[in-house]
Amino acid sequence: MYRTHTCGELRIKDEGKAVMLAGWIHSMRYHGNVTFIDLRDRYGITQIVAENIKEGDIKREFVIQVQGVVKKKPQPNKKIATGAIEIHGEVRVLSTAKQMPIDIEGNTEMTEDTRLKHRYLDLRRRPMQDTLMLRSKVLKATRDFFNKEEFIELETPILGKSTPEGARDYLVPSRINKSMFYALPQSPQIFKQLFMIAGYDKYVQIVKCFRDEDLRKDRQPEFTQIDLEMSFIEQDDIIGINEKFMKYLWKEIFGEDISIPFQRMSYKDAMNIYGSDKPDLRFDLELYDVTDIMKKTEFNVFKNAKTVKCIKVKNDFSRKEIDKLTDVVKVHKAKGLAWVKYDNDLEGGVAKFLDSVKKELIEKLNLQKGETVFFVADEWLITCEALGALRIELANKLNLVKEEWQFCWVTDFPMFEWNEEDERYVSMHHPFTMPKISDAEELDGELAEIQSLGYDLTLNGFEIAGGSIRIHDMHIQKKVFEKLGLSEKEANEKFGFLIEALQYGAPPHGGIAFGFDRLVMLMSGGESIRDVIAFPKTKNAEDLMMGAPSGVKKEQLDELGLQLKK
């Protein structure tokens, strides 16, 4: 036996007990013949008092076993749970440790690359342990909730078929079937629809998904979803069960009673008012549409623009600060950022071009002394997204963001969006999303105007879940493939099994998938999903610890019938 108790377990009621503890040396202090050791495991820290240890015999992060007696500490440490006691006993070294390449106590700055290269040591740090234990609690609470709601937990294949649309697939070559490839699943989408056709009316799965896409702080090549699907439901049913799930989760994890139902808004309203389809509602800055007013000016930038929007904020910005804000909107394809200040009159920036509409603009925006107004003029989407990014930048810069949980459903997404690179319409969500139509022939109208029965759940400016009511009518599904530019042959090659399955009695069904890593990131107060994944990849999709991706031997390529192209 290595231990009778953990390092976070013993209390004053255990005084006099003979115990054994094991763990890592967190810190130590020599006082003559007596050595004080803080012994650590994932449960906590216990102070050890040992005699006759020579300086240098033990070091930080050695793994030791202690056998001794629980005694009352002369001066209790109220900062830790075990602070009233200490263990007087003998120390046995179980494992030595070299000097640490990272700071376990976290008192010094470390680059993320250093932490990821030595991730097994980074995971010893208390913040990482707290985060992964939170992740474990959320997983358990998720399973408990859906089990109570009579969902069946089912698994779907990892090796599947490469299909069009969505992100780029990770491909896996087949050794047995030369020149053929599997694809790792971007999501279990088709399989969960097949479960519905098979009669499993409430499905849930905590599942790994894979997407070969450019990374950022809330993306990883492999990530985890809470995936669920239901039959004989409508949009409100899906929204209702997931609001109930969020309420349960917050109660279980934080002991908080969050209020449901959550706020809802259409995609168009979210974009027009907040410049984002995942609006952060923790602060009040809104976008104003001033297109009609600006068309009356002689300033061509405004007069000829399809959309002119603005945002106002009470602050006096320097020219240097405005230049930095201009860079923010340019990242989102805006050509520039116009501005004026209001101090009983419009001043600076483009004020001289606005004399003809000055009164109307001041009334429309209800301008107050000391406010600055920022304008973007461009295509509708560019204007919205650029000012949406500026809205976030201003809120962070001016400390406007409140510490609270703000959930919101965004609904009524466009069914299709125009892809300039491919010069065709693509699905905004995926090609199995049900359009807001009653008949397949309605898809012959203007595609840009067709809305879908898609919905996203957002939290504090992040999308944490997305889903839709699915197409259960074979004729509508075929028509959607046609509008996406897929020939009947291509559709059958890619989705023939689904098209066929829809002919054997498909129930009305729909579902949603939570980005589990992103959800835990927000719940833990983290800034990157890399902080909530045990062994993540870098922003370059590299595993610095294992050295992956890496080359393989020619013999392995020969077995697969592959040859590398320079």
Protein backbone atom coordinates (compact mmCIF):
# COMPACT_ATOMS: atom_id res chain seq x y z
CA MET A 1 0.00 0.00 0.00
CA TYR A 2 1.38 3.38 -1.01
CA ARG A 3 -1.20 5.56 0.75
CA THR A 4 -4.06 5.39 3.21
CA HIS A 5 -5.24 8.93 2.48
CA THR A 6 -4.87 11.62 -0.18
CA CYS A 7 -3.07 14.93 0.33
CA GLY A 8 -6.35 16.82 0.54
CA GLU A 9 -8.21 14.56 2.93
CA LEU A 10 -6.89 14.77 6.51
CA ARG A 11 -8.39 17.16 9.09
CA ILE A 12 -8.03 17.96 12.79
CA LYS A 13 -10.45 15.11 13.60
CA ASP A 14 -7.76 12.71 12.31
CA GLU A 15 -5.21 13.82 14.92
CA GLY A 16 -3.25 10.84 16.29
CA LYS A 17 -3.91 8.56 13.31
CA ALA A 18 -1.10 6.56 11.71
CA VAL A 19 -1.22 7.32 8.00
CA MET A 20 0.63 6.87 4.70
CA LEU A 21 0.63 9.56 2.01
CA ALA A 22 2.22 9.66 -1.43
CA GLY A 23 2.69 12.43 -3.94
CA TRP A 24 4.99 15.07 -5.37
CA ILE A 25 7.20 17.46 -3.39
CA HIS A 26 5.63 20.82 -4.10
CA SER A 27 8.08 22.78 -1.95
CA MET A 28 10.36 22.26 1.04
CA ARG A 29 12.13 24.23 3.75
CA TYR A 30 15.14 23.14 5.84
CA HIS A 31 15.33 24.14 9.53
CA GLY A 32 18.31 22.41 11.08
CA ASN A 33 17.52 18.71 11.48
CA VAL A 34 13.87 19.28 10.55
CA THR A 35 12.59 19.51 6.98
CA PHE A 36 9.14 20.86 6.15
CA ILE A 37 7.69 19.45 2.93
CA ASP A 38 4.50 20.45 1.14
CA LEU A 39 3.31 17.18 -0.39
CA ARG A 40 0.95 17.49 -3.36
CA ASP A 41 -1.44 15.32 -5.31
CA ARG A 42 -4.54 16.26 -7.30
CA TYR A 43 -6.63 16.39 -4.11
CA GLY A 44 -4.58 19.04 -2.32
CA ILE A 45 -1.46 19.71 -0.24
CA THR A 46 -0.44 18.37 3.19
CA GLN A 47 2.53 19.57 5.22
CA ILE A 48 5.08 16.91 6.19
CA VAL A 49 7.56 17.28 9.05
CA ALA A 50 10.56 14.96 8.63
CA GLU A 51 13.82 14.65 10.54
CA ASN A 52 17.38 13.75 9.53
CA ILE A 53 17.01 14.57 5.81
CA LYS A 54 20.21 15.96 4.38
CA GLU A 55 20.02 18.95 2.11
CA GLY A 56 20.07 17.68 -1.47
CA ASP A 57 18.68 14.21 -0.68
CA ILE A 58 15.29 15.27 -1.96
CA LYS A 59 14.22 17.94 -4.43
CA ARG A 60 11.06 19.51 -5.78
CA GLU A 61 8.87 17.17 -7.85
CA PHE A 62 10.45 14.02 -6.41
CA VAL A 63 7.74 11.42 -5.84
CA ILE A 64 7.80 10.31 -2.22
CA GLN A 65 5.91 8.20 0.27
CA VAL A 66 5.44 9.39 3.85
CA GLN A 67 4.58 7.12 6.79
CA GLY A 68 3.78 8.89 10.02
CA VAL A 69 1.26 10.33 12.48
CA VAL A 70 -1.24 13.18 12.11
CA LYS A 71 -0.51 16.05 14.52
CA LYS A 72 -2.07 19.42 15.18
CA LYS A 73 -0.15 22.25 13.51
CA PRO A 74 1.11 24.88 15.99
CA GLN A 75 0.16 27.71 13.60
CA PRO A 76 -2.76 26.68 11.33
CA ASN A 77 -2.81 27.75 7.68
CA LYS A 78 -6.37 28.84 6.97
CA LYS A 79 -5.71 29.16 3.22
CA ILE A 80 -5.79 25.39 2.60
CA ALA A 81 -8.23 22.69 3.72
CA THR A 82 -5.52 20.62 5.47
CA GLY A 83 -3.99 23.68 7.14
CA ALA A 84 -4.81 22.62 10.70
CA ILE A 85 -2.67 19.46 10.65
CA GLU A 86 0.74 18.13 9.62
CA ILE A 87 2.25 14.65 9.33
CA HIS A 88 5.31 13.77 11.38
CA GLY A 89 7.02 10.78 9.81
CA GLU A 90 9.62 9.15 7.60
CA VAL A 91 10.14 9.84 3.91
CA ARG A 92 10.81 7.24 1.23
CA VAL A 93 11.77 8.33 -2.28
CA LEU A 94 9.74 6.53 -4.94
CA SER A 95 11.01 8.45 -7.96
CA THR A 96 13.53 11.23 -8.60
CA ALA A 97 13.04 14.20 -10.95
CA LYS A 98 15.35 16.33 -13.05
CA GLN A 99 15.16 20.10 -12.86
CA MET A 100 11.78 21.14 -14.24
CA PRO A 101 11.73 22.75 -17.73
CA ILE A 102 8.55 24.59 -16.70
CA ASP A 103 7.41 26.29 -13.51
CA ILE A 104 4.88 23.98 -11.84
CA GLU A 105 3.88 26.67 -9.35
CA GLY A 106 3.19 29.10 -12.18
CA ASN A 107 5.09 32.02 -10.68
CA THR A 108 6.98 32.80 -13.89
CA GLU A 109 5.78 33.55 -17.42
CA MET A 110 5.95 30.60 -19.82
CA THR A 111 5.34 30.51 -23.54
CA GLU A 112 2.54 28.29 -24.75
CA ASP A 113 5.02 26.31 -26.87
CA THR A 114 7.03 25.48 -23.74
CA ARG A 115 3.91 24.36 -21.93
CA LEU A 116 2.73 22.19 -24.85
CA LYS A 117 6.15 20.59 -25.42
CA HIS A 118 6.13 19.43 -21.79
CA ARG A 119 2.36 19.05 -21.50
CA TYR A 120 2.60 16.14 -19.04
CA LEU A 121 4.29 18.58 -16.63
CA ASP A 122 1.98 21.46 -17.49
CA LEU A 123 -0.93 19.21 -16.52
CA ARG A 124 0.51 18.96 -12.99
CA ARG A 125 -0.20 22.65 -12.44
CA ARG A 126 -3.23 23.36 -10.27
CA PRO A 127 -5.02 25.58 -12.84
CA MET A 128 -4.81 22.82 -15.46
CA GLN A 129 -5.95 20.17 -12.97
CA ASP A 130 -8.88 22.32 -11.90
CA THR A 131 -9.89 22.83 -15.54
CA LEU A 132 -9.71 19.15 -16.48
CA MET A 133 -11.63 18.17 -13.33
CA LEU A 134 -14.29 20.73 -14.32
CA ARG A 135 -14.35 19.13 -17.79
CA SER A 136 -14.91 15.74 -16.17
CA LYS A 137 -17.78 17.10 -14.05
CA VAL A 138 -19.44 18.63 -17.10
CA LEU A 139 -19.14 15.30 -18.95
CA LYS A 140 -20.77 13.45 -16.06
CA ALA A 141 -23.54 16.04 -15.68
CA THR A 142 -24.22 15.83 -19.43
CA ARG A 143 -24.62 12.06 -19.33
CA ASP A 144 -26.75 12.25 -16.18
CA PHE A 145 -29.11 14.81 -17.72
CA PHE A 146 -29.69 13.05 -21.02
CA ASN A 147 -30.03 9.69 -19.31
CA LYS A 148 -32.85 11.15 -17.16
CA GLU A 149 -34.46 12.49 -20.33
CA GLU A 150 -34.42 8.95 -21.84
CA PHE A 151 -31.83 9.62 -24.55
CA ILE A 152 -29.94 6.60 -25.87
CA GLU A 153 -26.16 6.98 -26.03
CA LEU A 154 -25.03 5.50 -29.34
CA GLU A 155 -21.66 5.50 -31.12
CA THR A 156 -20.96 6.29 -34.75
CA PRO A 157 -17.97 5.27 -36.95
CA ILE A 158 -14.68 7.14 -37.03
CA LEU A 159 -13.71 5.84 -40.47
CA GLY A 160 -16.30 7.17 -42.91
CA LYS A 161 -16.75 8.57 -46.39
CA SER A 162 -15.45 11.88 -47.70
CA THR A 163 -18.34 14.18 -48.59
CA PRO A 164 -18.53 17.69 -50.08
CA GLU A 165 -19.50 20.91 -48.31
CA GLY A 166 -18.29 22.03 -44.91
CA ALA A 167 -14.63 22.07 -43.91
CA ARG A 168 -11.78 20.07 -45.43
CA ASP A 169 -11.72 16.36 -44.52
CA TYR A 170 -8.85 14.49 -42.91
CA LEU A 171 -8.25 11.52 -45.22
CA VAL A 172 -7.09 8.04 -44.19
CA PRO A 173 -5.70 5.76 -46.93
CA SER A 174 -6.91 2.15 -47.03
CA ARG A 175 -4.20 -0.53 -47.20
CA ILE A 176 -6.62 -3.26 -48.24
CA ASN A 177 -8.42 -1.17 -50.86
CA LYS A 178 -5.54 0.52 -52.67
CA SER A 179 -6.07 4.10 -53.92
CA MET A 180 -9.19 4.41 -51.76
CA PHE A 181 -9.62 6.63 -48.72
CA TYR A 182 -11.70 6.91 -45.59
CA ALA A 183 -12.45 10.32 -44.10
CA LEU A 184 -12.48 11.15 -40.41
CA PRO A 185 -15.91 12.53 -39.47
CA GLN A 186 -16.42 16.29 -39.30
CA SER A 187 -19.54 15.41 -37.32
CA PRO A 188 -21.85 12.38 -36.99
CA GLN A 189 -24.51 14.28 -38.96
CA ILE A 190 -25.62 11.63 -41.46
CA PHE A 191 -25.36 8.76 -38.99
CA LYS A 192 -27.57 10.44 -36.43
CA GLN A 193 -30.18 11.07 -39.11
CA LEU A 194 -30.04 7.37 -39.93
CA PHE A 195 -30.63 6.62 -36.23
CA MET A 196 -33.84 8.64 -36.48
CA ILE A 197 -34.93 6.70 -39.57
CA ALA A 198 -34.12 3.53 -37.62
CA GLY A 199 -36.51 4.57 -34.85
CA TYR A 200 -34.11 5.63 -32.08
CA ASP A 201 -36.02 8.82 -31.39
CA LYS A 202 -33.67 10.31 -28.77
CA TYR A 203 -29.96 9.92 -29.53
CA VAL A 204 -26.99 11.50 -27.74
CA GLN A 205 -23.24 11.03 -28.04
CA ILE A 206 -20.11 12.72 -26.71
CA VAL A 207 -17.99 12.34 -29.81
CA LYS A 208 -14.65 13.29 -31.39
CA CYS A 209 -14.85 15.25 -34.64
CA PHE A 210 -12.11 16.21 -37.10
CA ARG A 211 -11.77 19.19 -39.45
CA ASP A 212 -8.71 20.15 -41.46
CA GLU A 213 -9.18 23.92 -41.24
CA ASP A 214 -7.16 26.98 -40.34
CA LEU A 215 -6.90 27.24 -36.58
CA ARG A 216 -7.49 30.01 -34.05
CA LYS A 217 -7.98 30.18 -30.30
CA ASP A 218 -11.35 28.39 -30.34
CA ARG A 219 -10.57 25.78 -33.02
CA GLN A 220 -8.64 22.51 -33.03
CA PRO A 221 -8.16 19.84 -35.72
CA GLU A 222 -9.80 17.33 -33.36
CA PHE A 223 -12.47 18.46 -30.96
CA THR A 224 -15.35 17.11 -28.89
CA GLN A 225 -19.08 17.59 -29.45
CA ILE A 226 -22.16 16.84 -27.42
CA ASP A 227 -24.25 15.56 -30.30
CA LEU A 228 -27.98 14.89 -30.07
CA GLU A 229 -30.96 14.25 -32.32
CA MET A 230 -34.70 13.83 -31.74
CA SER A 231 -37.67 12.63 -33.80
CA PHE A 232 -41.25 13.92 -34.01
CA ILE A 233 -40.22 17.38 -32.83
CA GLU A 234 -40.21 20.97 -34.00
CA GLN A 235 -37.69 23.76 -33.43
CA ASP A 236 -39.21 24.81 -30.09
CA ASP A 237 -38.82 21.25 -28.76
CA ILE A 238 -35.09 21.23 -29.50
CA ILE A 239 -34.65 24.70 -28.01
CA GLY A 240 -36.66 23.73 -24.93
CA ILE A 241 -34.71 20.57 -24.06
CA ASN A 242 -31.38 22.35 -24.48
CA GLU A 243 -32.39 25.32 -22.33
CA LYS A 244 -33.33 22.77 -19.70
CA PHE A 245 -29.92 21.13 -20.17
CA MET A 246 -28.08 24.44 -19.70
CA LYS A 247 -30.11 25.21 -16.57
CA TYR A 248 -29.27 21.76 -15.16
CA LEU A 249 -25.58 22.12 -16.03
CA TRP A 250 -25.20 25.54 -14.39
CA LYS A 251 -26.97 24.29 -11.26
CA GLU A 252 -24.80 21.16 -11.03
CA ILE A 253 -21.48 22.88 -11.71
CA PHE A 254 -21.89 26.37 -10.25
CA GLY A 255 -24.94 26.05 -8.01
CA GLU A 256 -26.53 28.89 -10.04
CA ASP A 257 -30.15 29.15 -11.14
CA ILE A 258 -30.00 30.64 -14.62
CA SER A 259 -33.24 31.97 -16.04
CA ILE A 260 -34.94 30.29 -19.01
CA PRO A 261 -36.25 30.73 -21.66
CA PHE A 262 -33.26 32.46 -23.21
CA GLN A 263 -33.55 35.51 -25.44
CA ARG A 264 -34.10 34.79 -29.16
CA MET A 265 -33.33 36.91 -32.20
CA SER A 266 -33.22 36.36 -35.93
CA TYR A 267 -29.95 36.15 -37.83
CA LYS A 268 -30.83 39.39 -39.64
CA ASP A 269 -31.51 41.26 -36.39
CA ALA A 270 -28.31 39.92 -34.80
CA MET A 271 -26.26 41.13 -37.76
CA ASN A 272 -28.03 44.48 -38.09
CA ILE A 273 -27.96 45.37 -34.39
CA TYR A 274 -24.75 43.71 -33.17
CA GLY A 275 -22.76 42.96 -36.34
CA SER A 276 -22.43 39.28 -35.44
CA ASP A 277 -24.44 36.06 -35.62
CA LYS A 278 -23.07 35.28 -32.14
CA PRO A 279 -23.85 38.56 -30.37
CA ASP A 280 -22.24 39.39 -27.04
CA LEU A 281 -25.11 40.85 -25.01
CA ARG A 282 -23.08 41.73 -21.90
CA PHE A 283 -22.85 45.37 -23.03
CA ASP A 284 -25.21 47.76 -24.81
CA LEU A 285 -23.34 49.10 -27.86
CA GLU A 286 -25.57 48.79 -30.92
CA LEU A 287 -25.19 49.48 -34.63
CA TYR A 288 -27.32 52.13 -36.34
CA ASP A 289 -28.32 51.99 -40.00
CA VAL A 290 -27.92 55.46 -41.52
CA THR A 291 -27.92 54.45 -45.20
CA ASP A 292 -30.95 56.57 -46.13
CA ILE A 293 -29.56 59.65 -44.42
CA MET A 294 -26.10 59.31 -45.95
CA LYS A 295 -27.46 58.95 -49.48
CA LYS A 296 -28.50 62.60 -49.20
CA THR A 297 -24.88 63.76 -48.83
CA GLU A 298 -22.48 64.62 -51.65
CA PHE A 299 -19.78 62.46 -50.06
CA ASN A 300 -19.45 59.64 -52.59
CA VAL A 301 -18.11 57.11 -50.05
CA PHE A 302 -21.49 57.35 -48.27
CA LYS A 303 -23.73 58.33 -51.16
CA ASN A 304 -22.85 55.35 -53.36
CA ALA A 305 -22.52 52.69 -50.67
CA LYS A 306 -25.10 49.92 -50.46
CA THR A 307 -25.07 50.10 -46.66
CA VAL A 308 -23.83 52.70 -44.20
CA LYS A 309 -23.88 51.83 -40.51
CA CYS A 310 -22.35 53.42 -37.46
CA ILE A 311 -21.66 52.89 -33.80
CA LYS A 312 -21.41 55.60 -31.14
CA VAL A 313 -19.48 55.56 -27.90
CA LYS A 314 -18.84 58.15 -25.19
CA ASN A 315 -15.11 58.69 -25.41
CA ASP A 316 -12.63 61.11 -26.94
CA PHE A 317 -10.18 59.10 -29.03
CA SER A 318 -6.77 60.28 -30.18
CA ARG A 319 -5.82 60.06 -33.84
CA LYS A 320 -3.41 57.22 -33.02
CA GLU A 321 -6.21 55.28 -31.32
CA ILE A 322 -8.52 55.82 -34.31
CA ASP A 323 -5.82 54.50 -36.65
CA LYS A 324 -5.65 51.30 -34.58
CA LEU A 325 -9.45 50.97 -34.70
CA THR A 326 -9.29 51.41 -38.48
CA ASP A 327 -6.99 48.39 -38.65
CA VAL A 328 -9.66 46.36 -36.84
CA VAL A 329 -12.33 46.99 -39.50
CA LYS A 330 -9.88 46.49 -42.37
CA VAL A 331 -9.27 42.93 -41.17
CA HIS A 332 -12.96 42.37 -41.96
CA LYS A 333 -12.62 43.72 -45.54
CA ALA A 334 -13.90 47.22 -44.83
CA LYS A 335 -12.11 49.85 -46.92
CA GLY A 336 -11.82 52.27 -44.02
CA LEU A 337 -13.34 53.81 -40.91
CA ALA A 338 -14.93 57.28 -40.99
CA TRP A 339 -15.60 59.20 -37.78
CA VAL A 340 -16.95 62.38 -36.23
CA LYS A 341 -17.03 63.74 -32.69
CA TYR A 342 -19.98 65.52 -31.13
CA ASP A 343 -19.55 68.51 -28.84
CA ASN A 344 -22.76 70.50 -29.44
CA ASP A 345 -21.83 70.15 -33.12
CA LEU A 346 -20.19 67.58 -35.38
CA GLU A 347 -16.42 68.01 -35.40
CA GLY A 348 -13.37 66.37 -36.98
CA GLY A 349 -13.13 63.41 -39.32
CA VAL A 350 -15.84 63.56 -42.02
CA ALA A 351 -17.90 66.29 -40.29
CA LYS A 352 -17.42 68.76 -43.18
CA PHE A 353 -19.21 66.35 -45.56
CA LEU A 354 -22.27 66.01 -43.32
CA ASP A 355 -23.59 69.59 -43.11
CA SER A 356 -26.68 68.78 -45.21
CA VAL A 357 -27.72 65.89 -42.94
CA LYS A 358 -26.25 67.06 -39.64
CA LYS A 359 -29.53 67.75 -37.85
CA GLU A 360 -31.15 64.53 -39.06
CA LEU A 361 -28.11 62.48 -38.03
CA ILE A 362 -27.91 64.01 -34.55
CA GLU A 363 -31.61 63.28 -33.96
CA LYS A 364 -31.41 59.73 -35.37
CA LEU A 365 -28.46 58.83 -33.13
CA ASN A 366 -29.62 60.94 -30.17
CA LEU A 367 -26.06 62.20 -29.88
CA GLN A 368 -24.81 63.41 -26.52
CA LYS A 369 -21.86 65.66 -25.78
CA GLY A 370 -18.55 63.78 -25.73
CA GLU A 371 -19.61 60.95 -28.02
CA THR A 372 -17.62 59.73 -31.04
CA VAL A 373 -19.37 58.10 -34.00
CA PHE A 374 -17.64 55.55 -36.25
CA PHE A 375 -19.00 54.79 -39.75
CA VAL A 376 -18.42 51.93 -42.20
CA ALA A 377 -19.84 52.07 -45.75
CA ASP A 378 -19.77 48.92 -47.89
CA GLU A 379 -21.74 45.81 -48.79
CA TRP A 380 -24.28 44.88 -46.09
CA LEU A 381 -22.37 41.87 -44.74
CA ILE A 382 -18.97 43.57 -44.74
CA THR A 383 -20.43 46.62 -43.01
CA CYS A 384 -22.10 44.55 -40.31
CA GLU A 385 -19.12 42.29 -39.62
CA ALA A 386 -16.58 45.12 -39.60
CA LEU A 387 -18.59 47.20 -37.13
CA GLY A 388 -19.36 44.05 -35.12
CA ALA A 389 -15.61 43.50 -34.67
CA LEU A 390 -15.18 47.18 -33.78
CA ARG A 391 -17.99 46.85 -31.22
CA ILE A 392 -16.08 44.08 -29.40
CA GLU A 393 -12.82 46.05 -29.58
CA LEU A 394 -14.45 49.15 -28.10
CA ALA A 395 -16.18 47.21 -25.33
CA ASN A 396 -12.91 45.60 -24.24
CA LYS A 397 -10.96 48.84 -24.55
CA LEU A 398 -13.49 50.82 -22.48
CA ASN A 399 -14.21 48.02 -19.94
CA LEU A 400 -17.90 47.85 -20.84
CA VAL A 401 -18.25 44.05 -20.55
CA LYS A 402 -20.22 42.92 -17.50
CA GLU A 403 -19.37 39.75 -15.56
CA GLU A 404 -22.48 37.69 -16.27
CA TRP A 405 -23.83 34.82 -18.38
CA GLN A 406 -25.76 35.97 -21.45
CA PHE A 407 -27.31 33.18 -23.51
CA CYS A 408 -29.10 33.88 -26.78
CA TRP A 409 -30.68 31.80 -29.55
CA VAL A 410 -30.08 33.02 -33.09
CA THR A 411 -32.65 31.69 -35.57
CA ASP A 412 -33.90 32.13 -39.15
CA PHE A 413 -30.50 31.79 -40.80
CA PRO A 414 -30.25 32.04 -44.58
CA MET A 415 -30.49 28.61 -46.17
CA PHE A 416 -27.78 29.42 -48.72
CA GLU A 417 -24.86 31.84 -48.94
CA TRP A 418 -22.91 32.91 -52.01
CA ASN A 419 -19.36 31.58 -52.29
CA GLU A 420 -17.38 34.08 -54.36
CA GLU A 421 -14.42 31.74 -54.85
CA ASP A 422 -16.53 28.92 -56.32
CA GLU A 423 -19.13 31.31 -57.77
CA ARG A 424 -22.04 29.27 -56.50
CA TYR A 425 -24.39 28.99 -53.54
CA VAL A 426 -23.35 26.78 -50.62
CA SER A 427 -25.20 25.71 -47.47
CA MET A 428 -24.83 28.13 -44.59
CA HIS A 429 -25.15 25.22 -42.12
CA HIS A 430 -25.11 21.94 -44.07
CA PRO A 431 -27.12 20.45 -46.97
CA PHE A 432 -29.44 18.46 -44.68
CA THR A 433 -30.94 21.57 -43.04
CA MET A 434 -34.65 22.00 -43.64
CA PRO A 435 -35.55 25.21 -45.50
CA LYS A 436 -38.53 27.25 -44.28
CA ILE A 437 -40.74 26.01 -47.07
CA SER A 438 -43.69 23.67 -47.39
CA ASP A 439 -43.02 22.40 -50.91
CA ALA A 440 -39.89 21.51 -52.92
CA GLU A 441 -40.98 23.85 -55.72
CA GLU A 442 -40.50 26.85 -53.44
CA LEU A 443 -36.75 26.27 -53.82
CA ASP A 444 -37.03 27.58 -57.37
CA GLY A 445 -37.32 31.12 -56.01
CA GLU A 446 -34.48 33.51 -55.13
CA LEU A 447 -32.05 31.40 -53.10
CA ALA A 448 -30.66 34.34 -51.13
CA GLU A 449 -34.14 34.99 -49.69
CA ILE A 450 -34.84 31.46 -48.44
CA GLN A 451 -34.48 31.00 -44.69
CA SER A 452 -33.66 27.75 -42.95
CA LEU A 453 -34.90 26.05 -39.81
CA GLY A 454 -31.40 26.40 -38.39
CA TYR A 455 -30.56 27.76 -34.95
CA ASP A 456 -27.45 28.53 -32.89
CA LEU A 457 -27.07 28.91 -29.14
CA THR A 458 -24.62 31.64 -28.19
CA LEU A 459 -23.03 32.53 -24.88
CA ASN A 460 -21.13 35.76 -24.22
CA GLY A 461 -20.23 36.26 -27.86
CA PHE A 462 -19.37 32.64 -28.68
CA GLU A 463 -21.41 30.07 -30.55
CA ILE A 464 -21.61 27.10 -28.19
CA ALA A 465 -24.11 24.99 -30.15
CA GLY A 466 -25.61 24.82 -33.60
CA GLY A 467 -28.33 22.70 -35.13
CA SER A 468 -31.38 22.54 -37.31
CA ILE A 469 -34.54 20.73 -38.20
CA ARG A 470 -33.47 18.20 -40.86
CA ILE A 471 -34.93 17.40 -44.25
CA HIS A 472 -37.02 14.24 -44.01
CA ASP A 473 -38.64 14.60 -47.43
CA MET A 474 -36.62 12.92 -50.19
CA HIS A 475 -37.90 15.35 -52.84
CA ILE A 476 -36.80 18.41 -50.87
CA GLN A 477 -33.42 16.83 -50.16
CA LYS A 478 -32.83 16.11 -53.86
CA LYS A 479 -33.86 19.66 -54.72
CA VAL A 480 -31.40 21.11 -52.19
CA PHE A 481 -28.58 19.03 -53.70
CA GLU A 482 -29.58 20.38 -57.11
CA LYS A 483 -29.46 24.00 -55.90
CA LEU A 484 -26.00 23.36 -54.43
CA GLY A 485 -24.79 22.36 -57.89
CA LEU A 486 -24.63 18.62 -57.23
CA SER A 487 -25.72 16.49 -60.17
CA GLU A 488 -27.94 13.49 -59.46
CA LYS A 489 -24.92 11.26 -60.07
CA GLU A 490 -22.73 13.24 -57.64
CA ALA A 491 -25.47 13.31 -55.01
CA ASN A 492 -25.90 9.54 -55.26
CA GLU A 493 -22.14 8.96 -55.11
CA LYS A 494 -21.82 11.04 -51.96
CA PHE A 495 -25.16 10.59 -50.22
CA GLY A 496 -26.90 7.73 -52.01
CA PHE A 497 -27.40 5.77 -48.80
CA LEU A 498 -29.15 8.74 -47.14
CA ILE A 499 -31.33 9.44 -50.19
CA GLU A 500 -32.34 5.79 -50.24
CA ALA A 501 -32.95 5.71 -46.48
CA LEU A 502 -35.31 8.68 -46.77
CA GLN A 503 -37.54 6.53 -48.99
CA TYR A 504 -38.27 4.05 -46.20
CA GLY A 505 -40.27 6.19 -43.80
CA ALA A 506 -38.28 9.05 -42.29
CA PRO A 507 -39.81 10.84 -39.27
CA PRO A 508 -39.64 14.61 -38.89
CA HIS A 509 -36.44 15.10 -36.91
CA GLY A 510 -33.83 17.62 -35.83
CA GLY A 511 -30.94 18.09 -33.49
CA ILE A 512 -28.04 20.16 -32.29
CA ALA A 513 -24.36 19.79 -31.46
CA PHE A 514 -22.52 21.59 -28.65
CA GLY A 515 -18.88 22.52 -29.06
CA PHE A 516 -17.91 20.85 -25.81
CA ASP A 517 -14.39 22.29 -25.61
CA ARG A 518 -15.67 25.82 -26.21
CA LEU A 519 -18.39 25.34 -23.61
CA VAL A 520 -15.86 24.22 -20.98
CA MET A 521 -13.54 27.08 -21.98
CA LEU A 522 -16.28 29.61 -21.18
CA MET A 523 -17.32 27.83 -17.99
CA SER A 524 -13.72 27.78 -16.74
CA GLY A 525 -13.03 31.40 -17.67
CA GLY A 526 -10.35 30.35 -20.18
CA GLU A 527 -9.35 32.22 -23.32
CA SER A 528 -8.47 29.29 -25.58
CA ILE A 529 -9.84 25.79 -26.04
CA ARG A 530 -6.23 24.60 -25.92
CA ASP A 531 -6.44 25.26 -22.16
CA VAL A 532 -9.30 22.77 -21.70
CA ILE A 533 -7.98 19.92 -23.89
CA ALA A 534 -5.46 17.59 -22.24
CA PHE A 535 -3.18 17.22 -25.26
CA PRO A 536 -4.03 19.90 -27.85
CA LYS A 537 -2.32 20.94 -31.08
CA THR A 538 -0.70 24.33 -31.66
CA LYS A 539 -2.15 26.96 -33.99
CA ASN A 540 -0.06 25.26 -36.71
CA ALA A 541 -1.79 21.92 -35.98
CA GLU A 542 1.39 20.49 -34.44
CA ASP A 543 1.83 18.27 -31.39
CA LEU A 544 5.08 19.64 -29.95
CA MET A 545 5.25 16.93 -27.30
CA MET A 546 5.04 13.93 -29.66
CA GLY A 547 6.53 15.67 -32.69
CA ALA A 548 3.46 15.12 -34.87
CA PRO A 549 2.77 15.29 -37.72
CA SER A 550 5.88 13.44 -38.83
CA GLY A 551 7.22 11.60 -41.85
CA VAL A 552 6.75 7.86 -42.31
CA LYS A 553 8.97 5.17 -43.82
CA LYS A 554 8.86 4.37 -47.51
CA GLU A 555 7.79 0.82 -46.64
CA GLN A 556 4.63 2.14 -45.00
CA LEU A 557 3.80 4.23 -48.07
CA ASP A 558 4.44 1.23 -50.34
CA GLU A 559 1.97 -0.86 -48.30
CA LEU A 560 -0.65 1.81 -48.89
CA GLY A 561 0.19 2.19 -52.57
CA LEU A 562 1.12 5.84 -52.04
CA GLN A 563 3.92 8.00 -53.38
CA LEU A 564 4.78 11.43 -52.03
CA LYS A 565 4.67 14.39 -54.37
CA LYS A 566 7.36 17.03 -53.85
